[in-house]
């Protein structure tokens, strides 16, 4: 978060800046068991972008689910049998970046969540339709 804030402060001096994109996690949107610190950090990144857009500055936040072959999903192995969504593929990651660069500004984060059939089953089982 401090790094993103420092980039924001430096970017204020750059009048020609067209894009300011941050990658956060869907944990800021959905939360996770035992992940309060992770969720609050990502909400802070999303809030920074919200502030930039309110000031008329470029800013887009992309909330990603677990990205295939990198990060925690790769390090700890993703339990796909019980997961509610599939890992984000490299192709989907690239597409989200392309979309964000076309937008320049987005007051709400762009969430990239490839839900799978487990999500629907669990949602129905808990009474969510």
N, C-alpha and C. Protein backbone atom coordinates (compact mmCIF):
# COMPACT_ATOMS: atom_id res chain seq x y z
N UNK A 1 0.83 -1.18 0.00
CA UNK A 1 0.00 0.00 0.00
C UNK A 1 0.88 1.25 0.00
N UNK A 2 1.94 1.25 0.79
CA UNK A 2 2.84 2.40 0.83
C UNK A 2 3.46 2.64 -0.54
N UNK A 3 3.83 1.57 -1.22
CA UNK A 3 4.42 1.71 -2.55
C UNK A 3 3.42 2.32 -3.53
N UNK A 4 2.17 1.87 -3.47
CA UNK A 4 1.14 2.43 -4.36
C UNK A 4 0.92 3.91 -4.05
N UNK A 5 0.92 4.26 -2.77
CA UNK A 5 0.75 5.67 -2.39
C UNK A 5 1.92 6.51 -2.90
N UNK A 6 3.14 5.97 -2.78
CA UNK A 6 4.31 6.69 -3.28
C UNK A 6 4.25 6.88 -4.79
N UNK A 7 3.81 5.85 -5.51
CA UNK A 7 3.63 5.99 -6.96
C UNK A 7 2.57 7.04 -7.29
N UNK A 8 1.49 7.04 -6.52
CA UNK A 8 0.44 8.04 -6.71
C UNK A 8 1.01 9.45 -6.54
N UNK A 9 1.78 9.67 -5.48
CA UNK A 9 2.36 11.00 -5.23
C UNK A 9 3.30 11.42 -6.36
N UNK A 10 4.13 10.50 -6.81
CA UNK A 10 5.03 10.80 -7.93
C UNK A 10 4.25 11.06 -9.22
N UNK A 11 3.18 10.31 -9.43
CA UNK A 11 2.38 10.45 -10.65
C UNK A 11 1.67 11.79 -10.71
N UNK A 12 1.42 12.41 -9.57
CA UNK A 12 0.76 13.72 -9.56
C UNK A 12 1.58 14.77 -10.31
N UNK A 13 2.88 14.59 -10.33
CA UNK A 13 3.77 15.54 -11.02
C UNK A 13 3.88 15.25 -12.52
N UNK A 14 3.31 14.14 -12.96
CA UNK A 14 3.40 13.74 -14.37
C UNK A 14 2.09 14.08 -15.08
N UNK A 15 2.08 15.22 -15.74
CA UNK A 15 0.85 15.67 -16.40
C UNK A 15 0.44 14.81 -17.58
N UNK A 16 1.40 14.11 -18.16
CA UNK A 16 1.12 13.31 -19.36
C UNK A 16 0.73 11.87 -19.05
N UNK A 17 0.58 11.53 -17.78
CA UNK A 17 0.24 10.15 -17.40
C UNK A 17 -1.15 9.79 -17.92
N UNK A 18 -1.22 8.71 -18.68
CA UNK A 18 -2.49 8.28 -19.26
C UNK A 18 -3.15 7.17 -18.46
N UNK A 19 -2.35 6.32 -17.82
CA UNK A 19 -2.89 5.15 -17.12
C UNK A 19 -2.24 5.01 -15.75
N UNK A 20 -3.04 4.59 -14.80
CA UNK A 20 -2.54 4.25 -13.46
C UNK A 20 -3.32 3.01 -13.06
N UNK A 21 -2.71 1.86 -13.20
CA UNK A 21 -3.39 0.58 -12.98
C UNK A 21 -2.77 -0.12 -11.77
N UNK A 22 -3.62 -0.57 -10.85
CA UNK A 22 -3.14 -1.39 -9.74
C UNK A 22 -3.84 -2.74 -9.82
N UNK A 23 -3.12 -3.76 -9.38
CA UNK A 23 -3.68 -5.10 -9.30
C UNK A 23 -3.91 -5.41 -7.84
N UNK A 24 -5.16 -5.67 -7.50
CA UNK A 24 -5.48 -6.06 -6.14
C UNK A 24 -6.10 -7.45 -6.21
N UNK A 25 -6.59 -7.92 -5.09
CA UNK A 25 -7.12 -9.28 -5.01
C UNK A 25 -8.62 -9.24 -4.79
N UNK A 26 -9.29 -10.30 -5.22
CA UNK A 26 -10.72 -10.41 -4.94
C UNK A 26 -10.98 -10.58 -3.45
N UNK A 27 -9.93 -10.81 -2.66
CA UNK A 27 -10.12 -10.87 -1.21
C UNK A 27 -10.67 -9.56 -0.66
N UNK A 28 -10.37 -8.45 -1.32
CA UNK A 28 -10.94 -7.18 -0.91
C UNK A 28 -12.44 -7.12 -1.16
N UNK A 29 -12.91 -7.89 -2.13
CA UNK A 29 -14.33 -7.93 -2.48
C UNK A 29 -15.07 -9.04 -1.73
N UNK A 30 -14.49 -10.23 -1.72
CA UNK A 30 -15.16 -11.40 -1.16
C UNK A 30 -14.68 -11.78 0.24
N UNK A 31 -13.46 -11.35 0.60
CA UNK A 31 -12.89 -11.76 1.87
C UNK A 31 -12.46 -13.21 1.83
N UNK A 32 -11.80 -13.63 2.88
CA UNK A 32 -11.41 -15.03 3.00
C UNK A 32 -11.18 -15.34 4.47
N UNK A 33 -11.39 -16.58 4.81
CA UNK A 33 -11.20 -17.00 6.20
C UNK A 33 -9.76 -16.76 6.62
N UNK A 34 -9.57 -15.98 7.67
CA UNK A 34 -8.24 -15.70 8.18
C UNK A 34 -7.45 -14.71 7.35
N UNK A 35 -8.09 -14.04 6.41
CA UNK A 35 -7.37 -13.15 5.50
C UNK A 35 -7.71 -11.68 5.67
N UNK A 36 -7.97 -11.25 6.90
CA UNK A 36 -8.36 -9.86 7.13
C UNK A 36 -7.28 -8.88 6.67
N UNK A 37 -6.02 -9.17 6.97
CA UNK A 37 -4.93 -8.29 6.55
C UNK A 37 -4.83 -8.19 5.04
N UNK A 38 -4.96 -9.33 4.38
CA UNK A 38 -4.90 -9.37 2.92
C UNK A 38 -6.07 -8.58 2.33
N UNK A 39 -7.25 -8.78 2.88
CA UNK A 39 -8.45 -8.09 2.37
C UNK A 39 -8.33 -6.59 2.58
N UNK A 40 -7.90 -6.15 3.76
CA UNK A 40 -7.82 -4.71 4.03
C UNK A 40 -6.76 -4.04 3.17
N UNK A 41 -5.66 -4.72 2.90
CA UNK A 41 -4.62 -4.17 2.02
C UNK A 41 -5.17 -3.95 0.63
N UNK A 42 -5.90 -4.93 0.13
CA UNK A 42 -6.46 -4.80 -1.22
C UNK A 42 -7.57 -3.76 -1.29
N UNK A 43 -8.35 -3.62 -0.23
CA UNK A 43 -9.36 -2.56 -0.19
C UNK A 43 -8.69 -1.19 -0.21
N UNK A 44 -7.53 -1.08 0.42
CA UNK A 44 -6.79 0.18 0.40
C UNK A 44 -6.34 0.54 -1.02
N UNK A 45 -5.89 -0.45 -1.77
CA UNK A 45 -5.51 -0.20 -3.16
C UNK A 45 -6.72 0.25 -3.98
N UNK A 46 -7.84 -0.43 -3.78
CA UNK A 46 -9.07 -0.06 -4.50
C UNK A 46 -9.51 1.36 -4.13
N UNK A 47 -9.36 1.71 -2.85
CA UNK A 47 -9.74 3.05 -2.39
C UNK A 47 -8.84 4.13 -2.97
N UNK A 48 -7.57 3.81 -3.13
CA UNK A 48 -6.65 4.76 -3.76
C UNK A 48 -7.11 5.09 -5.17
N UNK A 49 -7.51 4.07 -5.90
CA UNK A 49 -8.00 4.30 -7.27
C UNK A 49 -9.30 5.09 -7.25
N UNK A 50 -10.18 4.77 -6.32
CA UNK A 50 -11.44 5.52 -6.20
C UNK A 50 -11.14 7.01 -5.96
N UNK A 51 -10.18 7.30 -5.10
CA UNK A 51 -9.80 8.68 -4.83
C UNK A 51 -9.23 9.35 -6.08
N UNK A 52 -8.36 8.64 -6.79
CA UNK A 52 -7.75 9.20 -8.00
C UNK A 52 -8.83 9.55 -9.02
N UNK A 53 -9.78 8.66 -9.22
CA UNK A 53 -10.86 8.91 -10.18
C UNK A 53 -11.71 10.10 -9.73
N UNK A 54 -11.99 10.19 -8.43
CA UNK A 54 -12.76 11.32 -7.90
C UNK A 54 -12.04 12.65 -8.14
N UNK A 55 -10.71 12.60 -8.18
CA UNK A 55 -9.91 13.80 -8.45
C UNK A 55 -9.75 14.07 -9.95
N UNK A 56 -10.33 13.21 -10.78
CA UNK A 56 -10.22 13.37 -12.23
C UNK A 56 -8.93 12.82 -12.80
N UNK A 57 -8.23 12.01 -12.04
CA UNK A 57 -6.97 11.42 -12.47
C UNK A 57 -7.20 10.02 -13.03
N UNK A 58 -6.29 9.55 -13.89
CA UNK A 58 -6.44 8.17 -14.38
C UNK A 58 -6.28 7.16 -13.25
N UNK A 59 -7.06 6.12 -13.32
CA UNK A 59 -6.95 5.08 -12.31
C UNK A 59 -7.90 3.93 -12.56
N UNK A 60 -7.37 2.72 -12.52
CA UNK A 60 -8.16 1.49 -12.65
C UNK A 60 -7.56 0.46 -11.69
N UNK A 61 -8.43 -0.20 -10.92
CA UNK A 61 -8.00 -1.32 -10.08
C UNK A 61 -8.56 -2.60 -10.67
N UNK A 62 -7.72 -3.59 -10.79
CA UNK A 62 -8.15 -4.90 -11.28
C UNK A 62 -8.04 -5.87 -10.11
N UNK A 63 -9.18 -6.40 -9.68
CA UNK A 63 -9.20 -7.39 -8.61
C UNK A 63 -9.10 -8.77 -9.24
N UNK A 64 -8.03 -9.47 -8.93
CA UNK A 64 -7.80 -10.79 -9.51
C UNK A 64 -8.05 -11.89 -8.50
N UNK A 65 -8.56 -12.99 -8.99
CA UNK A 65 -8.60 -14.20 -8.21
C UNK A 65 -7.21 -14.82 -8.29
N UNK A 66 -7.05 -16.05 -7.81
CA UNK A 66 -5.74 -16.70 -7.90
C UNK A 66 -5.31 -16.82 -9.36
N UNK A 67 -4.09 -16.41 -9.65
CA UNK A 67 -3.58 -16.46 -11.01
C UNK A 67 -2.83 -17.78 -11.21
N UNK A 68 -3.17 -18.46 -12.27
CA UNK A 68 -2.60 -19.76 -12.57
C UNK A 68 -1.07 -19.68 -12.63
N UNK A 69 -0.41 -20.59 -11.97
CA UNK A 69 1.05 -20.76 -12.03
C UNK A 69 1.87 -19.69 -11.33
N UNK A 70 1.26 -18.76 -10.59
CA UNK A 70 2.04 -17.76 -9.84
C UNK A 70 1.39 -17.52 -8.48
N UNK A 71 2.12 -16.91 -7.60
CA UNK A 71 1.59 -16.50 -6.30
C UNK A 71 1.22 -17.66 -5.40
N UNK A 72 0.32 -17.39 -4.48
CA UNK A 72 -0.10 -18.38 -3.49
C UNK A 72 -0.71 -19.61 -4.12
N UNK A 73 -1.47 -19.42 -5.20
CA UNK A 73 -2.11 -20.57 -5.85
C UNK A 73 -1.07 -21.57 -6.32
N UNK A 74 0.04 -21.08 -6.84
CA UNK A 74 1.09 -21.97 -7.31
C UNK A 74 1.93 -22.50 -6.15
N UNK A 75 2.25 -21.62 -5.19
CA UNK A 75 3.11 -22.01 -4.07
C UNK A 75 2.47 -23.06 -3.19
N UNK A 76 1.21 -22.86 -2.85
CA UNK A 76 0.55 -23.74 -1.90
C UNK A 76 -0.38 -24.75 -2.57
N UNK A 77 -0.55 -24.63 -3.88
CA UNK A 77 -1.43 -25.54 -4.59
C UNK A 77 -2.88 -25.15 -4.33
N UNK A 78 -3.63 -25.00 -5.37
CA UNK A 78 -5.02 -24.60 -5.22
C UNK A 78 -5.89 -25.84 -5.18
N UNK A 79 -6.69 -25.96 -4.16
CA UNK A 79 -7.60 -27.11 -4.02
C UNK A 79 -8.79 -26.90 -4.93
N UNK A 80 -8.66 -27.27 -6.19
CA UNK A 80 -9.70 -26.98 -7.17
C UNK A 80 -10.98 -27.77 -6.92
N UNK A 81 -10.89 -28.88 -6.22
CA UNK A 81 -12.11 -29.67 -5.98
C UNK A 81 -13.11 -28.90 -5.13
N UNK A 82 -12.64 -28.09 -4.19
CA UNK A 82 -13.53 -27.34 -3.33
C UNK A 82 -13.55 -25.85 -3.63
N UNK A 83 -12.75 -25.41 -4.58
CA UNK A 83 -12.67 -23.99 -4.90
C UNK A 83 -13.97 -23.51 -5.54
N UNK A 84 -14.31 -22.26 -5.25
CA UNK A 84 -15.52 -21.66 -5.83
C UNK A 84 -15.26 -21.08 -7.21
N UNK A 85 -14.01 -20.84 -7.51
CA UNK A 85 -13.67 -20.29 -8.82
C UNK A 85 -12.35 -20.91 -9.28
N UNK A 86 -12.16 -20.85 -10.58
CA UNK A 86 -10.95 -21.41 -11.19
C UNK A 86 -9.85 -20.35 -11.16
N UNK A 87 -8.60 -20.78 -11.25
CA UNK A 87 -7.51 -19.81 -11.34
C UNK A 87 -7.66 -18.95 -12.60
N UNK A 88 -7.19 -17.72 -12.51
CA UNK A 88 -7.19 -16.81 -13.66
C UNK A 88 -6.07 -17.25 -14.60
N UNK A 89 -6.42 -17.50 -15.85
CA UNK A 89 -5.42 -17.90 -16.84
C UNK A 89 -4.60 -16.69 -17.27
N UNK A 90 -3.45 -16.95 -17.83
CA UNK A 90 -2.61 -15.86 -18.34
C UNK A 90 -3.37 -15.08 -19.41
N UNK A 91 -4.13 -15.78 -20.26
CA UNK A 91 -4.91 -15.10 -21.30
C UNK A 91 -5.95 -14.16 -20.72
N UNK A 92 -6.65 -14.60 -19.68
CA UNK A 92 -7.65 -13.75 -19.04
C UNK A 92 -6.99 -12.57 -18.34
N UNK A 93 -5.83 -12.80 -17.74
CA UNK A 93 -5.06 -11.73 -17.12
C UNK A 93 -4.70 -10.66 -18.15
N UNK A 94 -4.19 -11.09 -19.30
CA UNK A 94 -3.84 -10.15 -20.37
C UNK A 94 -5.06 -9.38 -20.86
N UNK A 95 -6.18 -10.08 -21.01
CA UNK A 95 -7.40 -9.43 -21.49
C UNK A 95 -7.86 -8.37 -20.49
N UNK A 96 -7.77 -8.66 -19.19
CA UNK A 96 -8.17 -7.68 -18.18
C UNK A 96 -7.28 -6.45 -18.24
N UNK A 97 -6.01 -6.65 -18.51
CA UNK A 97 -5.10 -5.50 -18.65
C UNK A 97 -5.46 -4.69 -19.88
N UNK A 98 -5.76 -5.34 -20.99
CA UNK A 98 -6.18 -4.63 -22.21
C UNK A 98 -7.43 -3.80 -21.96
N UNK A 99 -8.41 -4.38 -21.28
CA UNK A 99 -9.65 -3.67 -20.98
C UNK A 99 -9.37 -2.46 -20.10
N UNK A 100 -8.53 -2.64 -19.08
CA UNK A 100 -8.25 -1.54 -18.16
C UNK A 100 -7.53 -0.40 -18.87
N UNK A 101 -6.68 -0.71 -19.83
CA UNK A 101 -5.97 0.34 -20.55
C UNK A 101 -6.89 1.10 -21.50
N UNK A 102 -7.97 0.48 -21.93
CA UNK A 102 -8.97 1.18 -22.74
C UNK A 102 -9.84 2.09 -21.89
N UNK A 103 -10.02 1.73 -20.62
CA UNK A 103 -10.93 2.47 -19.75
C UNK A 103 -10.32 3.77 -19.23
N UNK A 104 -9.06 3.78 -18.88
CA UNK A 104 -8.36 4.90 -18.27
C UNK A 104 -8.86 5.24 -16.87
N UNK A 105 -10.17 5.25 -16.67
CA UNK A 105 -10.74 5.53 -15.35
C UNK A 105 -11.87 4.55 -15.07
N UNK A 106 -11.93 4.08 -13.83
CA UNK A 106 -13.05 3.24 -13.40
C UNK A 106 -13.23 3.47 -11.91
N UNK A 107 -14.40 4.00 -11.54
CA UNK A 107 -14.66 4.30 -10.13
C UNK A 107 -14.77 3.02 -9.30
N UNK A 108 -15.20 1.94 -9.93
CA UNK A 108 -15.29 0.64 -9.24
C UNK A 108 -14.23 -0.29 -9.80
N UNK A 109 -13.68 -1.16 -8.95
CA UNK A 109 -12.67 -2.11 -9.44
C UNK A 109 -13.24 -3.06 -10.48
N UNK A 110 -12.39 -3.49 -11.38
CA UNK A 110 -12.72 -4.50 -12.38
C UNK A 110 -12.37 -5.85 -11.76
N UNK A 111 -13.36 -6.65 -11.41
CA UNK A 111 -13.12 -7.94 -10.75
C UNK A 111 -13.07 -9.05 -11.79
N UNK A 112 -11.99 -9.81 -11.77
CA UNK A 112 -11.80 -10.93 -12.69
C UNK A 112 -11.93 -12.21 -11.87
N UNK A 113 -13.13 -12.82 -11.94
CA UNK A 113 -13.43 -13.99 -11.12
C UNK A 113 -14.04 -15.07 -12.00
N UNK A 114 -13.28 -16.07 -12.41
CA UNK A 114 -13.85 -17.16 -13.20
C UNK A 114 -14.55 -18.19 -12.30
N UNK A 115 -15.81 -17.90 -11.94
CA UNK A 115 -16.58 -18.82 -11.10
C UNK A 115 -16.76 -20.15 -11.81
N UNK A 116 -16.81 -21.22 -11.04
CA UNK A 116 -17.04 -22.53 -11.62
C UNK A 116 -18.33 -23.13 -11.07
N UNK A 117 -18.61 -24.37 -11.41
CA UNK A 117 -19.86 -25.00 -11.01
C UNK A 117 -19.98 -25.17 -9.50
N UNK A 118 -18.85 -25.25 -8.78
CA UNK A 118 -18.92 -25.36 -7.32
C UNK A 118 -19.57 -24.13 -6.70
N UNK A 119 -19.35 -22.97 -7.30
CA UNK A 119 -19.92 -21.74 -6.76
C UNK A 119 -21.45 -21.82 -6.77
N UNK A 120 -22.00 -22.24 -7.90
CA UNK A 120 -23.46 -22.35 -8.01
C UNK A 120 -24.03 -23.38 -7.04
N UNK A 121 -23.35 -24.52 -6.90
CA UNK A 121 -23.81 -25.56 -5.98
C UNK A 121 -23.81 -25.06 -4.54
N UNK A 122 -22.73 -24.40 -4.13
CA UNK A 122 -22.65 -23.90 -2.76
C UNK A 122 -23.63 -22.76 -2.53
N UNK A 123 -23.82 -21.91 -3.54
CA UNK A 123 -24.76 -20.81 -3.40
C UNK A 123 -26.18 -21.34 -3.20
N UNK A 124 -26.55 -22.34 -4.01
CA UNK A 124 -27.90 -22.93 -3.87
C UNK A 124 -28.05 -23.62 -2.52
N UNK A 125 -27.00 -24.31 -2.08
CA UNK A 125 -27.06 -25.03 -0.80
C UNK A 125 -27.21 -24.07 0.38
N UNK A 126 -26.68 -22.84 0.24
CA UNK A 126 -26.78 -21.88 1.33
C UNK A 126 -27.99 -20.96 1.16
N UNK A 127 -28.80 -21.19 0.14
CA UNK A 127 -30.02 -20.40 -0.05
C UNK A 127 -29.83 -19.15 -0.89
N UNK A 128 -28.63 -18.95 -1.47
CA UNK A 128 -28.38 -17.80 -2.35
C UNK A 128 -28.80 -18.21 -3.74
N UNK A 129 -29.58 -17.37 -4.39
CA UNK A 129 -30.00 -17.71 -5.75
C UNK A 129 -29.47 -16.72 -6.76
